[in-house]
């Protein structure tokens, strides 16, 4: 070891001895806490930190629950609003529908009605394809519409609606109804009045409502006055579930006034064809009728 290194070590040892000597004079105040208190404080700080974490976790849980409740409510309301019930009467049959509010609907053959499954919540709104007779119980507004946005609006009444293609007919038997179409608006009908719109031409006419309380088709009778033969043929096809072919003339250009019953195909065809000087042929299985001039 060189003399320079030796001098440096001696200097360091003296500084260390002086520092230790000064530290002996420093007194650290005694702690007033026992080991148990110190341990408790330590554990308390740990619990507080854990509580902060748990609190944040709980907040997230509550947010998740709230979001789930909102989703559940929206899904439930959407289900109630968009869920529909459909009733259908096939060709050759008439169907009865009774709603929970007591309203009675009779569907003519080849007719379908759809309405909200929970209509007491979202409104009594019905869509009709074909023909139906309604006995509506008093209550909230009751509307019947078709695919062409022609609408019948009532509160409590009895009325008949026929909507088949270009034909739209409404007859009021009790109470009053309002009819809305693209050509007319707010046409009010009282008992004994009927609204007819055929190929865009509308008219309001009267009928004898004193002697009848429901349309004749409910009893299997179909009356026509100045109707196109094509309309009569369509009704025959619906009531008897047959296909009718026409040869040698245009049924749109022939006008028919008369009636038929839906209990016998041969008799019904004769009541329509014979007064008009037409011939007919029914296939052996009664599935097809040929009407010719």
C-alpha atoms as a PDB file:
ATOM      1  CA  UNK A   1       0.000   0.000   0.000  1.00  0.00           C
ATOM      2  CA  UNK A   2       1.278   3.431  -0.989  1.00  0.00           C
ATOM      3  CA  UNK A   3       1.503   6.341   1.381  1.00  0.00           C
ATOM      4  CA  UNK A   4      -1.256   8.194  -0.467  1.00  0.00           C
ATOM      5  CA  UNK A   5      -3.687   5.290   0.003  1.00  0.00           C
ATOM      6  CA  UNK A   6      -2.774   4.974   3.628  1.00  0.00           C
ATOM      7  CA  UNK A   7      -3.504   8.662   4.254  1.00  0.00           C
ATOM      8  CA  UNK A   8      -6.887   8.392   2.522  1.00  0.00           C
ATOM      9  CA  UNK A   9      -7.908   5.402   4.674  1.00  0.00           C
ATOM     10  CA  UNK A  10      -6.909   7.190   7.869  1.00  0.00           C
ATOM     11  CA  UNK A  11      -9.018  10.196   6.858  1.00  0.00           C
ATOM     12  CA  UNK A  12     -12.083   8.048   6.145  1.00  0.00           C
ATOM     13  CA  UNK A  13     -11.780   6.222   9.461  1.00  0.00           C
ATOM     14  CA  UNK A  14     -11.630   9.494  11.365  1.00  0.00           C
ATOM     15  CA  UNK A  15     -14.766  10.816   9.578  1.00  0.00           C
ATOM     16  CA  UNK A  16     -16.668   7.592  10.366  1.00  0.00           C
ATOM     17  CA  UNK A  17     -15.661   7.750  14.059  1.00  0.00           C
ATOM     18  CA  UNK A  18     -16.811  11.392  14.248  1.00  0.00           C
ATOM     19  CA  UNK A  19     -20.215  10.542  12.659  1.00  0.00           C
ATOM     20  CA  UNK A  20     -20.827   7.651  15.068  1.00  0.00           C
ATOM     21  CA  UNK A  21     -19.899   9.848  17.991  1.00  0.00           C
ATOM     22  CA  UNK A  22     -22.413  12.496  16.942  1.00  0.00           C
ATOM     23  CA  UNK A  23     -25.162   9.903  16.427  1.00  0.00           C
ATOM     24  CA  UNK A  24     -24.749   8.694  20.020  1.00  0.00           C
ATOM     25  CA  UNK A  25     -26.032  12.086  21.137  1.00  0.00           C
ATOM     26  CA  UNK A  26     -29.220  11.906  19.066  1.00  0.00           C
ATOM     27  CA  UNK A  27     -32.207  10.563  20.960  1.00  0.00           C
ATOM     28  CA  UNK A  28     -35.146   9.050  19.042  1.00  0.00           C
ATOM     29  CA  UNK A  29     -38.408   9.682  20.889  1.00  0.00           C
ATOM     30  CA  UNK A  30     -40.008   6.475  22.011  1.00  0.00           C
ATOM     31  CA  UNK A  31     -43.158   5.307  20.117  1.00  0.00           C
ATOM     32  CA  UNK A  32     -46.430   5.447  22.030  1.00  0.00           C
ATOM     33  CA  UNK A  33     -47.900   2.606  19.941  1.00  0.00           C
ATOM     34  CA  UNK A  34     -47.591  -1.003  20.880  1.00  0.00           C
ATOM     35  CA  UNK A  35     -46.859  -3.688  18.385  1.00  0.00           C
ATOM     36  CA  UNK A  36     -50.591  -4.541  18.352  1.00  0.00           C
ATOM     37  CA  UNK A  37     -51.526  -0.908  17.531  1.00  0.00           C
ATOM     38  CA  UNK A  38     -49.004  -0.717  14.769  1.00  0.00           C
ATOM     39  CA  UNK A  39     -50.272  -3.969  13.317  1.00  0.00           C
ATOM     40  CA  UNK A  40     -53.866  -2.731  13.521  1.00  0.00           C
ATOM     41  CA  UNK A  41     -52.996   0.504  11.700  1.00  0.00           C
ATOM     42  CA  UNK A  42     -51.245  -1.455   9.017  1.00  0.00           C
ATOM     43  CA  UNK A  43     -54.221  -3.759   8.507  1.00  0.00           C
ATOM     44  CA  UNK A  44     -56.614  -0.760   8.526  1.00  0.00           C
ATOM     45  CA  UNK A  45     -54.733   0.877   5.685  1.00  0.00           C
ATOM     46  CA  UNK A  46     -54.886  -2.389   3.735  1.00  0.00           C
ATOM     47  CA  UNK A  47     -58.660  -2.664   4.281  1.00  0.00           C
ATOM     48  CA  UNK A  48     -59.198   0.944   3.178  1.00  0.00           C
ATOM     49  CA  UNK A  49     -57.357   0.279  -0.046  1.00  0.00           C
ATOM     50  CA  UNK A  50     -59.419  -2.871  -0.585  1.00  0.00           C
ATOM     51  CA  UNK A  51     -62.623  -0.896   0.131  1.00  0.00           C
ATOM     52  CA  UNK A  52     -61.700   1.570  -2.586  1.00  0.00           C
ATOM     53  CA  UNK A  53     -61.270  -1.305  -5.019  1.00  0.00           C
ATOM     54  CA  UNK A  54     -64.536  -2.945  -3.898  1.00  0.00           C
ATOM     55  CA  UNK A  55     -66.372   0.388  -4.163  1.00  0.00           C
ATOM     56  CA  UNK A  56     -65.188   0.808  -7.727  1.00  0.00           C
ATOM     57  CA  UNK A  57     -66.217  -2.783  -8.482  1.00  0.00           C
ATOM     58  CA  UNK A  58     -69.681  -2.205  -6.956  1.00  0.00           C
ATOM     59  CA  UNK A  59     -70.167   0.890  -9.099  1.00  0.00           C
ATOM     60  CA  UNK A  60     -69.420  -1.098 -12.183  1.00  0.00           C
ATOM     61  CA  UNK A  61     -71.853  -3.810 -11.074  1.00  0.00           C
ATOM     62  CA  UNK A  62     -74.633  -1.250 -10.547  1.00  0.00           C
ATOM     63  CA  UNK A  63     -73.957   0.286 -13.943  1.00  0.00           C
ATOM     64  CA  UNK A  64     -74.189  -3.159 -15.500  1.00  0.00           C
ATOM     65  CA  UNK A  65     -77.452  -3.894 -13.676  1.00  0.00           C
ATOM     66  CA  UNK A  66     -78.940  -0.552 -14.735  1.00  0.00           C
ATOM     67  CA  UNK A  67     -77.959  -1.185 -18.353  1.00  0.00           C
ATOM     68  CA  UNK A  68     -79.511  -4.658 -18.195  1.00  0.00           C
ATOM     69  CA  UNK A  69     -82.762  -3.245 -16.819  1.00  0.00           C
ATOM     70  CA  UNK A  70     -82.930  -0.659 -19.615  1.00  0.00           C
ATOM     71  CA  UNK A  71     -82.291  -3.330 -22.244  1.00  0.00           C
ATOM     72  CA  UNK A  72     -84.946  -5.556 -20.671  1.00  0.00           C
ATOM     73  CA  UNK A  73     -87.532  -2.742 -20.679  1.00  0.00           C
ATOM     74  CA  UNK A  74     -86.778  -1.783 -24.289  1.00  0.00           C
ATOM     75  CA  UNK A  75     -86.897  -5.418 -25.415  1.00  0.00           C
ATOM     76  CA  UNK A  76     -90.155  -5.991 -23.533  1.00  0.00           C
ATOM     77  CA  UNK A  77     -91.805  -2.901 -24.993  1.00  0.00           C
ATOM     78  CA  UNK A  78     -90.605  -3.784 -28.491  1.00  0.00           C
ATOM     79  CA  UNK A  79     -92.025  -7.280 -28.097  1.00  0.00           C
ATOM     80  CA  UNK A  80     -95.379  -5.891 -26.901  1.00  0.00           C
ATOM     81  CA  UNK A  81     -95.474  -3.305 -29.702  1.00  0.00           C
ATOM     82  CA  UNK A  82     -94.446  -5.477 -32.655  1.00  0.00           C
ATOM     83  CA  UNK A  83     -95.830  -8.906 -31.685  1.00  0.00           C
ATOM     84  CA  UNK A  84     -98.962  -9.663 -33.670  1.00  0.00           C
ATOM     85  CA  UNK A  85    -101.684 -12.276 -33.743  1.00  0.00           C
ATOM     86  CA  UNK A  86    -103.185 -13.491 -37.021  1.00  0.00           C
ATOM     87  CA  UNK A  87    -106.506 -15.220 -37.641  1.00  0.00           C
ATOM     88  CA  UNK A  88    -107.388 -16.696 -41.014  1.00  0.00           C
ATOM     89  CA  UNK A  89    -110.543 -18.187 -42.514  1.00  0.00           C
ATOM     90  CA  UNK A  90    -109.668 -20.378 -45.533  1.00  0.00           C
ATOM     91  CA  UNK A  91    -111.766 -20.602 -48.666  1.00  0.00           C
ATOM     92  CA  UNK A  92    -115.108 -22.284 -48.027  1.00  0.00           C
ATOM     93  CA  UNK A  93    -115.117 -21.548 -44.284  1.00  0.00           C
ATOM     94  CA  UNK A  94    -116.162 -18.787 -41.889  1.00  0.00           C
ATOM     95  CA  UNK A  95    -114.218 -18.172 -38.680  1.00  0.00           C
ATOM     96  CA  UNK A  96    -115.190 -16.545 -35.371  1.00  0.00           C
ATOM     97  CA  UNK A  97    -112.731 -14.469 -33.342  1.00  0.00           C
ATOM     98  CA  UNK A  98    -113.420 -13.213 -29.816  1.00  0.00           C
ATOM     99  CA  UNK A  99    -110.961 -10.679 -28.387  1.00  0.00           C
ATOM    100  CA  UNK A 100    -110.077 -10.359 -24.673  1.00  0.00           C
ATOM    101  CA  UNK A 101    -112.086  -7.108 -24.428  1.00  0.00           C
ATOM    102  CA  UNK A 102    -115.239  -8.893 -25.620  1.00  0.00           C
ATOM    103  CA  UNK A 103    -115.146  -7.636 -29.217  1.00  0.00           C
ATOM    104  CA  UNK A 104    -116.485 -10.229 -31.667  1.00  0.00           C
ATOM    105  CA  UNK A 105    -115.193 -10.614 -35.212  1.00  0.00           C
ATOM    106  CA  UNK A 106    -116.561 -12.943 -37.861  1.00  0.00           C
ATOM    107  CA  UNK A 107    -114.213 -13.577 -40.767  1.00  0.00           C
ATOM    108  CA  UNK A 108    -115.643 -14.377 -44.171  1.00  0.00           C
ATOM    109  CA  UNK A 109    -113.994 -17.071 -46.284  1.00  0.00           C
ATOM    110  CA  UNK A 110    -110.473 -16.372 -47.550  1.00  0.00           C
ATOM    111  CA  UNK A 111    -110.016 -13.502 -45.072  1.00  0.00           C
ATOM    112  CA  UNK A 112    -107.246 -12.694 -42.622  1.00  0.00           C
ATOM    113  CA  UNK A 113    -107.016 -10.252 -39.758  1.00  0.00           C
ATOM    114  CA  UNK A 114    -103.908  -9.334 -37.774  1.00  0.00           C
ATOM    115  CA  UNK A 115    -103.607  -7.236 -34.624  1.00  0.00           C
ATOM    116  CA  UNK A 116    -101.153  -6.540 -31.785  1.00  0.00           C
ATOM    117  CA  UNK A 117    -100.901  -9.389 -29.321  1.00  0.00           C
ATOM    118  CA  UNK A 118    -101.094  -6.858 -26.481  1.00  0.00           C
ATOM    119  CA  UNK A 119    -103.518  -4.450 -28.160  1.00  0.00           C
ATOM    120  CA  UNK A 120    -104.815  -3.198 -24.803  1.00  0.00           C
ATOM    121  CA  UNK A 121    -101.363  -1.646 -24.288  1.00  0.00           C
ATOM    122  CA  UNK A 122    -100.502  -0.408 -27.769  1.00  0.00           C
ATOM    123  CA  UNK A 123    -103.998   0.297 -29.126  1.00  0.00           C
ATOM    124  CA  UNK A 124    -106.790  -1.549 -30.905  1.00  0.00           C
ATOM    125  CA  UNK A 125    -105.338  -1.448 -34.420  1.00  0.00           C
ATOM    126  CA  UNK A 126    -106.331  -4.163 -36.892  1.00  0.00           C
ATOM    127  CA  UNK A 127    -105.301  -4.997 -40.435  1.00  0.00           C
ATOM    128  CA  UNK A 128    -107.826  -6.822 -42.609  1.00  0.00           C
ATOM    129  CA  UNK A 129    -107.438  -8.729 -45.850  1.00  0.00           C
ATOM    130  CA  UNK A 130    -110.825  -9.859 -47.134  1.00  0.00           C
ATOM    131  CA  UNK A 131    -114.143  -9.342 -45.347  1.00  0.00           C
ATOM    132  CA  UNK A 132    -115.208  -9.290 -41.705  1.00  0.00           C
ATOM    133  CA  UNK A 133    -118.092  -8.215 -39.499  1.00  0.00           C
ATOM    134  CA  UNK A 134    -117.247  -6.480 -36.211  1.00  0.00           C
ATOM    135  CA  UNK A 135    -119.155  -6.126 -32.957  1.00  0.00           C
ATOM    136  CA  UNK A 136    -116.850  -3.742 -31.124  1.00  0.00           C
ATOM    137  CA  UNK A 137    -117.048  -3.296 -27.363  1.00  0.00           C
ATOM    138  CA  UNK A 138    -116.913   0.334 -26.172  1.00  0.00           C
ATOM    139  CA  UNK A 139    -113.476   1.522 -25.149  1.00  0.00           C
ATOM    140  CA  UNK A 140    -110.418   3.052 -26.725  1.00  0.00           C
ATOM    141  CA  UNK A 141    -110.371   3.914 -30.416  1.00  0.00           C
ATOM    142  CA  UNK A 142    -110.702   0.891 -32.693  1.00  0.00           C
ATOM    143  CA  UNK A 143    -109.294   1.080 -36.230  1.00  0.00           C
ATOM    144  CA  UNK A 144    -109.392  -1.357 -39.144  1.00  0.00           C
ATOM    145  CA  UNK A 145    -107.055  -0.771 -42.106  1.00  0.00           C
ATOM    146  CA  UNK A 146    -106.098  -2.625 -45.259  1.00  0.00           C
ATOM    147  CA  UNK A 147    -102.942  -2.806 -47.346  1.00  0.00           C
ATOM    148  CA  UNK A 148    -103.950   0.325 -49.284  1.00  0.00           C
ATOM    149  CA  UNK A 149    -104.221   2.414 -46.088  1.00  0.00           C
ATOM    150  CA  UNK A 150    -107.998   2.632 -46.233  1.00  0.00           C
ATOM    151  CA  UNK A 151    -109.176   2.926 -42.650  1.00  0.00           C
ATOM    152  CA  UNK A 152    -112.346   2.558 -40.605  1.00  0.00           C
ATOM    153  CA  UNK A 153    -112.361   4.213 -37.176  1.00  0.00           C
ATOM    154  CA  UNK A 154    -114.878   3.504 -34.407  1.00  0.00           C
ATOM    155  CA  UNK A 155    -115.366   3.639 -30.641  1.00  0.00           C
ATOM    156  CA  UNK A 156    -118.073   1.048 -30.118  1.00  0.00           C
ATOM    157  CA  UNK A 157    -120.369  -0.180 -32.878  1.00  0.00           C
ATOM    158  CA  UNK A 158    -121.261  -2.919 -35.346  1.00  0.00           C
ATOM    159  CA  UNK A 159    -120.052  -2.687 -38.916  1.00  0.00           C
ATOM    160  CA  UNK A 160    -118.916  -4.730 -41.894  1.00  0.00           C
ATOM    161  CA  UNK A 161    -115.762  -4.201 -43.953  1.00  0.00           C
ATOM    162  CA  UNK A 162    -115.068  -5.762 -47.341  1.00  0.00           C
ATOM    163  CA  UNK A 163    -111.611  -5.099 -48.775  1.00  0.00           C
ATOM    164  CA  UNK A 164    -110.648  -7.283 -51.706  1.00  0.00           C
ATOM    165  CA  UNK A 165    -108.290  -5.657 -54.193  1.00  0.00           C
ATOM    166  CA  UNK A 166    -109.883  -2.581 -55.738  1.00  0.00           C
ATOM    167  CA  UNK A 167    -113.122  -3.166 -53.823  1.00  0.00           C
ATOM    168  CA  UNK A 168    -113.593  -1.432 -50.475  1.00  0.00           C
ATOM    169  CA  UNK A 169    -117.010  -1.453 -48.780  1.00  0.00           C
ATOM    170  CA  UNK A 170    -118.071  -0.424 -45.289  1.00  0.00           C
ATOM    171  CA  UNK A 171    -121.591  -0.803 -43.896  1.00  0.00           C
ATOM    172  CA  UNK A 172    -122.669   0.512 -40.495  1.00  0.00           C
ATOM    173  CA  UNK A 173    -125.271  -1.464 -38.531  1.00  0.00           C
ATOM    174  CA  UNK A 174    -125.025   0.200 -35.127  1.00  0.00           C
ATOM    175  CA  UNK A 175    -123.282   3.262 -33.682  1.00  0.00           C
ATOM    176  CA  UNK A 176    -121.178   5.219 -36.163  1.00  0.00           C
ATOM    177  CA  UNK A 177    -117.938   4.866 -38.065  1.00  0.00           C
ATOM    178  CA  UNK A 178    -115.531   7.130 -39.934  1.00  0.00           C
ATOM    179  CA  UNK A 179    -114.019   6.063 -43.236  1.00  0.00           C
ATOM    180  CA  UNK A 180    -110.684   7.333 -44.564  1.00  0.00           C
ATOM    181  CA  UNK A 181    -109.353   6.614 -48.069  1.00  0.00           C
ATOM    182  CA  UNK A 182    -106.962   8.338 -50.444  1.00  0.00           C
ATOM    183  CA  UNK A 183    -109.943   9.835 -52.295  1.00  0.00           C
ATOM    184  CA  UNK A 184    -112.135  10.750 -49.310  1.00  0.00           C
ATOM    185  CA  UNK A 185    -111.572  11.607 -45.671  1.00  0.00           C
ATOM    186  CA  UNK A 186    -113.743  11.548 -42.536  1.00  0.00           C
ATOM    187  CA  UNK A 187    -116.830  10.112 -44.221  1.00  0.00           C
ATOM    188  CA  UNK A 188    -119.135   9.388 -41.291  1.00  0.00           C
ATOM    189  CA  UNK A 189    -121.588   6.506 -41.492  1.00  0.00           C
ATOM    190  CA  UNK A 190    -124.575   5.943 -39.221  1.00  0.00           C
ATOM    191  CA  UNK A 191    -126.832   2.850 -39.131  1.00  0.00           C
ATOM    192  CA  UNK A 192    -128.273   2.156 -42.567  1.00  0.00           C
ATOM    193  CA  UNK A 193    -125.474   3.830 -44.541  1.00  0.00           C
ATOM    194  CA  UNK A 194    -122.758   2.102 -46.532  1.00  0.00           C
ATOM    195  CA  UNK A 195    -119.608   3.407 -48.193  1.00  0.00           C
ATOM    196  CA  UNK A 196    -118.428   1.828 -51.434  1.00  0.00           C
ATOM    197  CA  UNK A 197    -115.219   2.463 -53.343  1.00  0.00           C
ATOM    198  CA  UNK A 198    -114.628   0.433 -56.498  1.00  0.00           C
ATOM    199  CA  UNK A 199    -111.712   1.246 -58.790  1.00  0.00           C
ATOM    200  CA  UNK A 200    -111.309   4.608 -57.064  1.00  0.00           C
ATOM    201  CA  UNK A 201    -114.966   5.657 -57.513  1.00  0.00           C
ATOM    202  CA  UNK A 202    -116.614   6.289 -54.137  1.00  0.00           C
ATOM    203  CA  UNK A 203    -120.236   6.656 -53.082  1.00  0.00           C
ATOM    204  CA  UNK A 204    -122.364   6.588 -49.929  1.00  0.00           C
ATOM    205  CA  UNK A 205    -125.694   4.755 -50.182  1.00  0.00           C
ATOM    206  CA  UNK A 206    -128.384   3.597 -47.811  1.00  0.00           C
ATOM    207  CA  UNK A 207    -129.586   0.071 -47.075  1.00  0.00           C
ATOM    208  CA  UNK A 208    -132.342  -1.418 -44.961  1.00  0.00           C
ATOM    209  CA  UNK A 209    -130.732  -1.813 -41.547  1.00  0.00           C
ATOM    210  CA  UNK A 210    -134.025  -1.995 -39.627  1.00  0.00           C
ATOM    211  CA  UNK A 211    -134.814  -5.525 -40.760  1.00  0.00           C
ATOM    212  CA  UNK A 212    -131.270  -6.953 -40.510  1.00  0.00           C
ATOM    213  CA  UNK A 213    -128.718  -6.649 -37.737  1.00  0.00           C
ATOM    214  CA  UNK A 214    -125.789  -8.200 -39.607  1.00  0.00           C
ATOM    215  CA  UNK A 215    -124.655  -8.716 -43.207  1.00  0.00           C
ATOM    216  CA  UNK A 216    -126.360 -11.503 -45.126  1.00  0.00           C
ATOM    217  CA  UNK A 217    -123.133 -13.388 -45.789  1.00  0.00           C
ATOM    218  CA  UNK A 218    -123.066 -14.439 -42.135  1.00  0.00           C
ATOM    219  CA  UNK A 219    -126.161 -16.543 -42.934  1.00  0.00           C
ATOM    220  CA  UNK A 220    -124.600 -17.895 -46.126  1.00  0.00           C
ATOM    221  CA  UNK A 221    -126.494 -15.568 -48.485  1.00  0.00           C
ATOM    222  CA  UNK A 222    -124.783 -13.248 -50.977  1.00  0.00           C
ATOM    223  CA  UNK A 223    -126.735 -10.448 -52.631  1.00  0.00           C
ATOM    224  CA  UNK A 224    -125.538  -8.319 -55.544  1.00  0.00           C
ATOM    225  CA  UNK A 225    -127.047  -5.261 -57.165  1.00  0.00           C
ATOM    226  CA  UNK A 226    -125.460  -3.900 -60.312  1.00  0.00           C
ATOM    227  CA  UNK A 227    -122.198  -5.707 -59.558  1.00  0.00           C
ATOM    228  CA  UNK A 228    -119.594  -6.718 -62.102  1.00  0.00           C
ATOM    229  CA  UNK A 229    -119.826 -10.401 -62.890  1.00  0.00           C
ATOM    230  CA  UNK A 230    -116.110 -10.708 -62.127  1.00  0.00           C
ATOM    231  CA  UNK A 231    -116.845  -9.695 -58.522  1.00  0.00           C
ATOM    232  CA  UNK A 232    -119.581 -12.348 -58.286  1.00  0.00           C
ATOM    233  CA  UNK A 233    -117.273 -15.017 -59.713  1.00  0.00           C
ATOM    234  CA  UNK A 234    -114.577 -14.113 -57.189  1.00  0.00           C
ATOM    235  CA  UNK A 235    -117.077 -14.567 -54.360  1.00  0.00           C
ATOM    236  CA  UNK A 236    -118.154 -17.951 -55.764  1.00  0.00           C
ATOM    237  CA  UNK A 237    -114.532 -19.105 -55.847  1.00  0.00           C
ATOM    238  CA  UNK A 238    -114.019 -17.998 -52.253  1.00  0.00           C
ATOM    239  CA  UNK A 239    -117.173 -19.529 -50.848  1.00  0.00           C
ATOM    240  CA  UNK A 240    -116.851 -22.913 -52.569  1.00  0.00           C
ATOM    241  CA  UNK A 241    -113.043 -23.113 -52.858  1.00  0.00           C
ATOM    242  CA  UNK A 242    -113.204 -23.735 -56.606  1.00  0.00           C
ATOM    243  CA  UNK A 243    -111.483 -22.356 -59.695  1.00  0.00           C
ATOM    244  CA  UNK A 244    -113.797 -20.705 -62.222  1.00  0.00           C
ATOM    245  CA  UNK A 245    -112.676 -20.283 -65.819  1.00  0.00           C
ATOM    246  CA  UNK A 246    -114.482 -17.947 -68.231  1.00  0.00           C
ATOM    247  CA  UNK A 247    -114.603 -18.546 -71.989  1.00  0.00           C
ATOM    248  CA  UNK A 248    -115.933 -16.380 -74.780  1.00  0.00           C
ATOM    249  CA  UNK A 249    -116.692 -13.151 -72.891  1.00  0.00           C
ATOM    250  CA  UNK A 250    -115.253 -10.607 -70.461  1.00  0.00           C
ATOM    251  CA  UNK A 251    -116.859 -10.795 -66.988  1.00  0.00           C
ATOM    252  CA  UNK A 252    -115.738  -7.212 -66.311  1.00  0.00           C
ATOM    253  CA  UNK A 253    -118.240  -6.062 -68.935  1.00  0.00           C
ATOM    254  CA  UNK A 254    -121.233  -8.011 -67.600  1.00  0.00           C
ATOM    255  CA  UNK A 255    -123.413  -6.697 -64.762  1.00  0.00           C
ATOM    256  CA  UNK A 256    -125.240  -8.997 -62.374  1.00  0.00           C
ATOM    257  CA  UNK A 257    -128.066  -8.433 -59.885  1.00  0.00           C
ATOM    258  CA  UNK A 258    -129.219 -11.373 -57.830  1.00  0.00           C
ATOM    259  CA  UNK A 259    -128.045 -13.717 -55.070  1.00  0.00           C
ATOM    260  CA  UNK A 260    -126.774 -17.182 -54.280  1.00  0.00           C
ATOM    261  CA  UNK A 261    -126.325 -19.332 -51.196  1.00  0.00           C
ATOM    262  CA  UNK A 262    -123.066 -21.068 -50.276  1.00  0.00           C
ATOM    263  CA  UNK A 263    -124.584 -24.456 -49.369  1.00  0.00           C
ATOM    264  CA  UNK A 264    -124.735 -25.970 -52.879  1.00  0.00           C
ATOM    265  CA  UNK A 265    -122.293 -25.286 -55.716  1.00  0.00           C
ATOM    266  CA  UNK A 266    -124.570 -26.379 -58.588  1.00  0.00           C
ATOM    267  CA  UNK A 267    -127.492 -24.286 -57.378  1.00  0.00           C
ATOM    268  CA  UNK A 268    -125.283 -21.249 -56.832  1.00  0.00           C
ATOM    269  CA  UNK A 269    -123.769 -21.478 -60.331  1.00  0.00           C
ATOM    270  CA  UNK A 270    -127.213 -21.816 -61.901  1.00  0.00           C
ATOM    271  CA  UNK A 271    -128.538 -18.767 -60.013  1.00  0.00           C
ATOM    272  CA  UNK A 272    -125.708 -16.721 -61.516  1.00  0.00           C
ATOM    273  CA  UNK A 273    -125.400 -18.119 -65.045  1.00  0.00           C
ATOM    274  CA  UNK A 274    -128.929 -18.959 -66.186  1.00  0.00           C
ATOM    275  CA  UNK A 275    -130.403 -15.428 -65.804  1.00  0.00           C
ATOM    276  CA  UNK A 276    -127.489 -14.110 -67.863  1.00  0.00           C
ATOM    277  CA  UNK A 277    -127.826 -16.692 -70.663  1.00  0.00           C
ATOM    278  CA  UNK A 278    -124.527 -18.383 -69.834  1.00  0.00           C
ATOM    279  CA  UNK A 279    -123.556 -22.057 -69.877  1.00  0.00           C
ATOM    280  CA  UNK A 280    -121.550 -23.827 -67.180  1.00  0.00           C
ATOM    281  CA  UNK A 281    -119.728 -27.089 -66.641  1.00  0.00           C
ATOM    282  CA  UNK A 282    -118.582 -28.487 -63.285  1.00  0.00           C
ATOM    283  CA  UNK A 283    -115.747 -31.041 -63.215  1.00  0.00           C
ATOM    284  CA  UNK A 284    -116.493 -34.408 -61.544  1.00  0.00           C
ATOM    285  CA  UNK A 285    -114.413 -33.551 -58.486  1.00  0.00           C
ATOM    286  CA  UNK A 286    -116.129 -30.137 -58.141  1.00  0.00           C
ATOM    287  CA  UNK A 287    -112.767 -28.362 -58.093  1.00  0.00           C
ATOM    288  CA  UNK A 288    -113.299 -26.400 -61.315  1.00  0.00           C
ATOM    289  CA  UNK A 289    -116.164 -24.633 -63.095  1.00  0.00           C
ATOM    290  CA  UNK A 290    -116.140 -23.477 -66.727  1.00  0.00           C
ATOM    291  CA  UNK A 291    -118.574 -20.668 -67.630  1.00  0.00           C
ATOM    292  CA  UNK A 292    -119.050 -19.935 -71.309  1.00  0.00           C
ATOM    293  CA  UNK A 293    -121.240 -17.783 -73.507  1.00  0.00           C
END
